[in-house]
Amino acid sequence: MLETLGRQRSLAIVASHLLAAAPMLRDSDLFCTMPARVAHPLASAFGLVARPLPLEGTPGMRLSMVWHRRLDSHPAHAWLRRRVAEVARGLPPIPGMAEAVAA
């Protein structure tokens, strides 16, 4: 998407998880893109500011679950995946974000 605008992504830091990004952002001039559902609580907790992306036609983010294939037929794991999908489907939509939850 950035290429179509004549832009290029430049990574300053790579974090293993979105929650790890907030403390790094607090004392820097960096920014991070993440789902609004994550960004707003982190912004409140770490004194950050959450804003929508300033790009027209920004596509929504598709959320997926990923697991090792050996757990495909594990009953407890299958139950947990169903519960996570059920809870995710029940969350209210975020304006401007595509509504997609795969089972």
N, C-alpha and C. Protein backbone atom coordinates (compact mmCIF):
# COMPACT_ATOMS: atom_id res chain seq x y z
N MET A 1 0.82 -1.18 0.00
CA MET A 1 0.00 0.00 0.00
C MET A 1 0.87 1.26 0.00
N LEU A 2 1.95 1.27 0.77
CA LEU A 2 2.80 2.46 0.80
C LEU A 2 3.46 2.71 -0.55
N GLU A 3 3.78 1.63 -1.26
CA GLU A 3 4.42 1.78 -2.56
C GLU A 3 3.55 2.57 -3.53
N THR A 4 2.23 2.38 -3.45
CA THR A 4 1.34 3.10 -4.35
C THR A 4 1.33 4.60 -4.06
N LEU A 5 1.77 4.98 -2.85
CA LEU A 5 1.85 6.39 -2.47
C LEU A 5 3.26 6.94 -2.64
N GLY A 6 4.16 6.09 -3.19
CA GLY A 6 5.54 6.53 -3.35
C GLY A 6 6.30 6.56 -2.04
N ARG A 7 5.88 5.77 -1.09
CA ARG A 7 6.51 5.73 0.24
C ARG A 7 7.14 4.37 0.48
N GLN A 8 8.02 4.32 1.48
CA GLN A 8 8.66 3.07 1.85
C GLN A 8 8.66 2.93 3.36
N ARG A 9 8.44 1.73 3.83
CA ARG A 9 8.42 1.47 5.27
C ARG A 9 9.85 1.44 5.80
N SER A 10 10.04 2.02 6.96
CA SER A 10 11.35 2.02 7.62
C SER A 10 11.16 1.56 9.05
N LEU A 11 11.72 0.41 9.39
CA LEU A 11 11.56 -0.14 10.74
C LEU A 11 12.69 0.33 11.64
N ALA A 12 12.34 0.86 12.79
CA ALA A 12 13.34 1.28 13.78
C ALA A 12 13.50 0.22 14.86
N ILE A 13 12.39 -0.42 15.23
CA ILE A 13 12.38 -1.43 16.29
C ILE A 13 11.43 -2.54 15.87
N VAL A 14 11.78 -3.76 16.21
CA VAL A 14 10.88 -4.89 15.99
C VAL A 14 10.56 -5.47 17.36
N ALA A 15 9.29 -5.53 17.69
CA ALA A 15 8.86 -6.06 18.99
C ALA A 15 8.20 -7.41 18.78
N SER A 16 8.36 -8.28 19.78
CA SER A 16 7.79 -9.62 19.67
C SER A 16 6.28 -9.62 19.86
N HIS A 17 5.75 -8.55 20.42
CA HIS A 17 4.32 -8.48 20.70
C HIS A 17 3.91 -7.01 20.76
N LEU A 18 2.67 -6.72 20.41
CA LEU A 18 2.20 -5.33 20.46
C LEU A 18 2.30 -4.72 21.85
N LEU A 19 2.08 -5.54 22.88
CA LEU A 19 2.16 -5.01 24.24
C LEU A 19 3.57 -4.56 24.59
N ALA A 20 4.57 -5.14 23.96
CA ALA A 20 5.95 -4.74 24.21
C ALA A 20 6.28 -3.40 23.56
N ALA A 21 5.49 -2.99 22.58
CA ALA A 21 5.76 -1.75 21.86
C ALA A 21 5.47 -0.51 22.70
N ALA A 22 4.44 -0.55 23.54
CA ALA A 22 4.02 0.65 24.28
C ALA A 22 5.13 1.26 25.13
N PRO A 23 5.85 0.50 25.95
CA PRO A 23 6.92 1.13 26.74
C PRO A 23 8.02 1.72 25.86
N MET A 24 8.27 1.11 24.71
CA MET A 24 9.30 1.63 23.80
C MET A 24 8.85 2.95 23.16
N LEU A 25 7.56 3.07 22.90
CA LEU A 25 7.03 4.27 22.27
C LEU A 25 6.98 5.45 23.22
N ARG A 26 6.75 5.16 24.50
CA ARG A 26 6.53 6.22 25.50
C ARG A 26 7.63 7.27 25.50
N ASP A 27 8.87 6.87 25.39
CA ASP A 27 9.99 7.82 25.48
C ASP A 27 10.70 8.00 24.15
N SER A 28 9.94 7.96 23.06
CA SER A 28 10.56 8.10 21.75
C SER A 28 9.69 8.97 20.84
N ASP A 29 10.19 9.19 19.63
CA ASP A 29 9.39 9.91 18.63
C ASP A 29 8.87 8.92 17.57
N LEU A 30 8.85 7.65 17.91
CA LEU A 30 8.41 6.60 17.01
C LEU A 30 6.90 6.41 17.08
N PHE A 31 6.35 5.71 16.10
CA PHE A 31 4.95 5.33 16.16
C PHE A 31 4.82 3.89 15.71
N CYS A 32 3.67 3.32 15.98
CA CYS A 32 3.40 1.92 15.68
C CYS A 32 1.97 1.81 15.17
N THR A 33 1.75 0.98 14.18
CA THR A 33 0.38 0.72 13.74
C THR A 33 -0.10 -0.56 14.41
N MET A 34 -1.33 -0.52 14.90
CA MET A 34 -1.93 -1.67 15.58
C MET A 34 -3.44 -1.50 15.57
N PRO A 35 -4.16 -2.58 15.83
CA PRO A 35 -5.62 -2.47 15.88
C PRO A 35 -6.07 -1.48 16.96
N ALA A 36 -7.12 -0.73 16.67
CA ALA A 36 -7.63 0.26 17.61
C ALA A 36 -8.01 -0.36 18.95
N ARG A 37 -8.51 -1.59 18.90
CA ARG A 37 -8.93 -2.28 20.12
C ARG A 37 -7.75 -2.48 21.08
N VAL A 38 -6.54 -2.55 20.55
CA VAL A 38 -5.32 -2.68 21.36
C VAL A 38 -4.73 -1.30 21.64
N ALA A 39 -4.75 -0.43 20.63
CA ALA A 39 -4.10 0.87 20.74
C ALA A 39 -4.70 1.76 21.82
N HIS A 40 -6.00 1.82 21.93
CA HIS A 40 -6.63 2.73 22.88
C HIS A 40 -6.33 2.38 24.34
N PRO A 41 -6.44 1.11 24.76
CA PRO A 41 -6.07 0.79 26.14
C PRO A 41 -4.57 1.04 26.42
N LEU A 42 -3.72 0.72 25.44
CA LEU A 42 -2.29 0.96 25.64
C LEU A 42 -1.99 2.45 25.74
N ALA A 43 -2.66 3.23 24.92
CA ALA A 43 -2.46 4.68 24.97
C ALA A 43 -2.83 5.23 26.34
N SER A 44 -3.94 4.77 26.89
CA SER A 44 -4.36 5.22 28.22
C SER A 44 -3.37 4.79 29.29
N ALA A 45 -2.92 3.55 29.21
CA ALA A 45 -2.04 3.01 30.25
C ALA A 45 -0.63 3.61 30.22
N PHE A 46 -0.16 4.01 29.03
CA PHE A 46 1.23 4.46 28.90
C PHE A 46 1.36 5.94 28.55
N GLY A 47 0.27 6.68 28.60
CA GLY A 47 0.35 8.11 28.30
C GLY A 47 0.65 8.39 26.84
N LEU A 48 0.14 7.54 25.95
CA LEU A 48 0.36 7.71 24.52
C LEU A 48 -0.90 8.27 23.87
N VAL A 49 -0.82 8.56 22.60
CA VAL A 49 -1.96 9.06 21.84
C VAL A 49 -2.28 8.05 20.75
N ALA A 50 -3.55 7.72 20.59
CA ALA A 50 -3.99 6.81 19.53
C ALA A 50 -4.76 7.61 18.49
N ARG A 51 -4.38 7.47 17.24
CA ARG A 51 -5.03 8.18 16.14
C ARG A 51 -5.25 7.21 14.98
N PRO A 52 -6.29 7.45 14.16
CA PRO A 52 -6.46 6.63 12.96
C PRO A 52 -5.33 6.89 11.97
N LEU A 53 -5.06 5.92 11.12
CA LEU A 53 -4.05 6.12 10.08
C LEU A 53 -4.48 7.25 9.15
N PRO A 54 -3.56 8.13 8.78
CA PRO A 54 -3.92 9.27 7.92
C PRO A 54 -3.89 8.92 6.44
N LEU A 55 -4.35 7.72 6.10
CA LEU A 55 -4.33 7.29 4.71
C LEU A 55 -5.75 7.00 4.24
N GLU A 56 -6.08 7.48 3.07
CA GLU A 56 -7.39 7.21 2.48
C GLU A 56 -7.45 5.74 2.08
N GLY A 57 -8.60 5.14 2.27
CA GLY A 57 -8.79 3.78 1.80
C GLY A 57 -7.95 2.74 2.50
N THR A 58 -7.58 2.99 3.74
CA THR A 58 -6.79 2.01 4.48
C THR A 58 -7.61 0.74 4.64
N PRO A 59 -7.08 -0.39 4.19
CA PRO A 59 -7.85 -1.63 4.32
C PRO A 59 -7.94 -2.06 5.77
N GLY A 60 -9.04 -2.75 6.10
CA GLY A 60 -9.19 -3.28 7.45
C GLY A 60 -8.21 -4.40 7.70
N MET A 61 -8.04 -4.74 8.93
CA MET A 61 -7.12 -5.79 9.31
C MET A 61 -7.90 -7.08 9.54
N ARG A 62 -7.43 -8.15 8.97
CA ARG A 62 -8.06 -9.44 9.18
C ARG A 62 -7.34 -10.14 10.33
N LEU A 63 -8.08 -10.58 11.32
CA LEU A 63 -7.50 -11.27 12.46
C LEU A 63 -7.65 -12.76 12.27
N SER A 64 -6.60 -13.50 12.59
CA SER A 64 -6.60 -14.95 12.42
C SER A 64 -6.03 -15.62 13.65
N MET A 65 -6.43 -16.86 13.86
CA MET A 65 -5.81 -17.69 14.89
C MET A 65 -4.84 -18.63 14.19
N VAL A 66 -3.72 -18.88 14.83
CA VAL A 66 -2.71 -19.77 14.26
C VAL A 66 -2.30 -20.76 15.34
N TRP A 67 -2.19 -22.04 14.96
CA TRP A 67 -1.76 -23.06 15.92
C TRP A 67 -1.03 -24.14 15.15
N HIS A 68 -0.30 -24.96 15.89
CA HIS A 68 0.44 -26.06 15.28
C HIS A 68 -0.55 -27.13 14.84
N ARG A 69 -0.29 -27.76 13.71
CA ARG A 69 -1.23 -28.74 13.16
C ARG A 69 -1.45 -29.94 14.08
N ARG A 70 -0.49 -30.24 14.96
CA ARG A 70 -0.68 -31.38 15.87
C ARG A 70 -1.84 -31.12 16.85
N LEU A 71 -2.25 -29.84 17.00
CA LEU A 71 -3.34 -29.50 17.90
C LEU A 71 -4.69 -29.39 17.19
N ASP A 72 -4.72 -29.64 15.89
CA ASP A 72 -5.97 -29.53 15.13
C ASP A 72 -7.12 -30.32 15.74
N SER A 73 -6.85 -31.55 16.13
CA SER A 73 -7.94 -32.39 16.64
C SER A 73 -7.88 -32.57 18.16
N HIS A 74 -7.06 -31.79 18.84
CA HIS A 74 -7.00 -31.86 20.30
C HIS A 74 -8.28 -31.23 20.86
N PRO A 75 -9.08 -31.99 21.62
CA PRO A 75 -10.39 -31.49 22.07
C PRO A 75 -10.34 -30.19 22.86
N ALA A 76 -9.41 -30.06 23.79
CA ALA A 76 -9.34 -28.84 24.61
C ALA A 76 -8.93 -27.64 23.75
N HIS A 77 -8.02 -27.86 22.83
CA HIS A 77 -7.56 -26.77 21.97
C HIS A 77 -8.68 -26.35 21.02
N ALA A 78 -9.41 -27.33 20.48
CA ALA A 78 -10.53 -27.02 19.59
C ALA A 78 -11.60 -26.23 20.35
N TRP A 79 -11.85 -26.61 21.59
CA TRP A 79 -12.83 -25.88 22.41
C TRP A 79 -12.37 -24.43 22.60
N LEU A 80 -11.09 -24.24 22.93
CA LEU A 80 -10.57 -22.88 23.14
C LEU A 80 -10.68 -22.05 21.86
N ARG A 81 -10.36 -22.62 20.72
CA ARG A 81 -10.49 -21.88 19.45
C ARG A 81 -11.93 -21.47 19.20
N ARG A 82 -12.86 -22.38 19.47
CA ARG A 82 -14.28 -22.02 19.28
C ARG A 82 -14.69 -20.88 20.21
N ARG A 83 -14.24 -20.93 21.46
CA ARG A 83 -14.58 -19.87 22.43
C ARG A 83 -13.99 -18.53 22.01
N VAL A 84 -12.73 -18.53 21.59
CA VAL A 84 -12.08 -17.29 21.16
C VAL A 84 -12.85 -16.70 19.97
N ALA A 85 -13.20 -17.54 18.99
CA ALA A 85 -13.95 -17.05 17.82
C ALA A 85 -15.32 -16.52 18.24
N GLU A 86 -15.98 -17.22 19.17
CA GLU A 86 -17.29 -16.78 19.64
C GLU A 86 -17.22 -15.42 20.33
N VAL A 87 -16.23 -15.25 21.19
CA VAL A 87 -16.07 -13.97 21.89
C VAL A 87 -15.72 -12.87 20.89
N ALA A 88 -14.84 -13.16 19.95
CA ALA A 88 -14.45 -12.15 18.95
C ALA A 88 -15.64 -11.72 18.11
N ARG A 89 -16.50 -12.66 17.74
CA ARG A 89 -17.70 -12.31 16.95
C ARG A 89 -18.64 -11.41 17.74
N GLY A 90 -18.64 -11.54 19.06
CA GLY A 90 -19.53 -10.75 19.90
C GLY A 90 -19.02 -9.36 20.22
N LEU A 91 -17.78 -9.04 19.87
CA LEU A 91 -17.24 -7.71 20.15
C LEU A 91 -17.88 -6.69 19.22
N PRO A 92 -18.12 -5.48 19.73
CA PRO A 92 -18.71 -4.46 18.86
C PRO A 92 -17.69 -4.05 17.79
N PRO A 93 -18.17 -3.71 16.60
CA PRO A 93 -17.24 -3.29 15.53
C PRO A 93 -16.56 -1.97 15.88
N ILE A 94 -15.39 -1.79 15.35
CA ILE A 94 -14.67 -0.54 15.50
C ILE A 94 -14.88 0.24 14.21
N PRO A 95 -15.36 1.49 14.29
CA PRO A 95 -15.59 2.27 13.05
C PRO A 95 -14.32 2.33 12.21
N GLY A 96 -14.47 2.08 10.92
CA GLY A 96 -13.35 2.15 10.00
C GLY A 96 -12.54 0.88 9.93
N MET A 97 -12.91 -0.14 10.68
CA MET A 97 -12.15 -1.39 10.67
C MET A 97 -13.03 -2.48 10.10
N ALA A 98 -12.49 -3.25 9.18
CA ALA A 98 -13.27 -4.32 8.55
C ALA A 98 -13.69 -5.34 9.60
N GLU A 99 -14.90 -5.82 9.44
CA GLU A 99 -15.42 -6.83 10.36
C GLU A 99 -15.16 -8.21 9.74
N ALA A 100 -14.15 -8.90 10.23
CA ALA A 100 -13.86 -10.24 9.72
C ALA A 100 -13.32 -11.09 10.85
N VAL A 101 -14.04 -12.14 11.16
CA VAL A 101 -13.58 -13.10 12.16
C VAL A 101 -13.72 -14.48 11.56
N ALA A 102 -12.59 -15.14 11.35
CA ALA A 102 -12.63 -16.49 10.79
C ALA A 102 -12.82 -17.50 11.90
N ALA A 103 -13.63 -18.51 11.64
CA ALA A 103 -13.86 -19.57 12.64
C ALA A 103 -12.74 -20.57 12.62
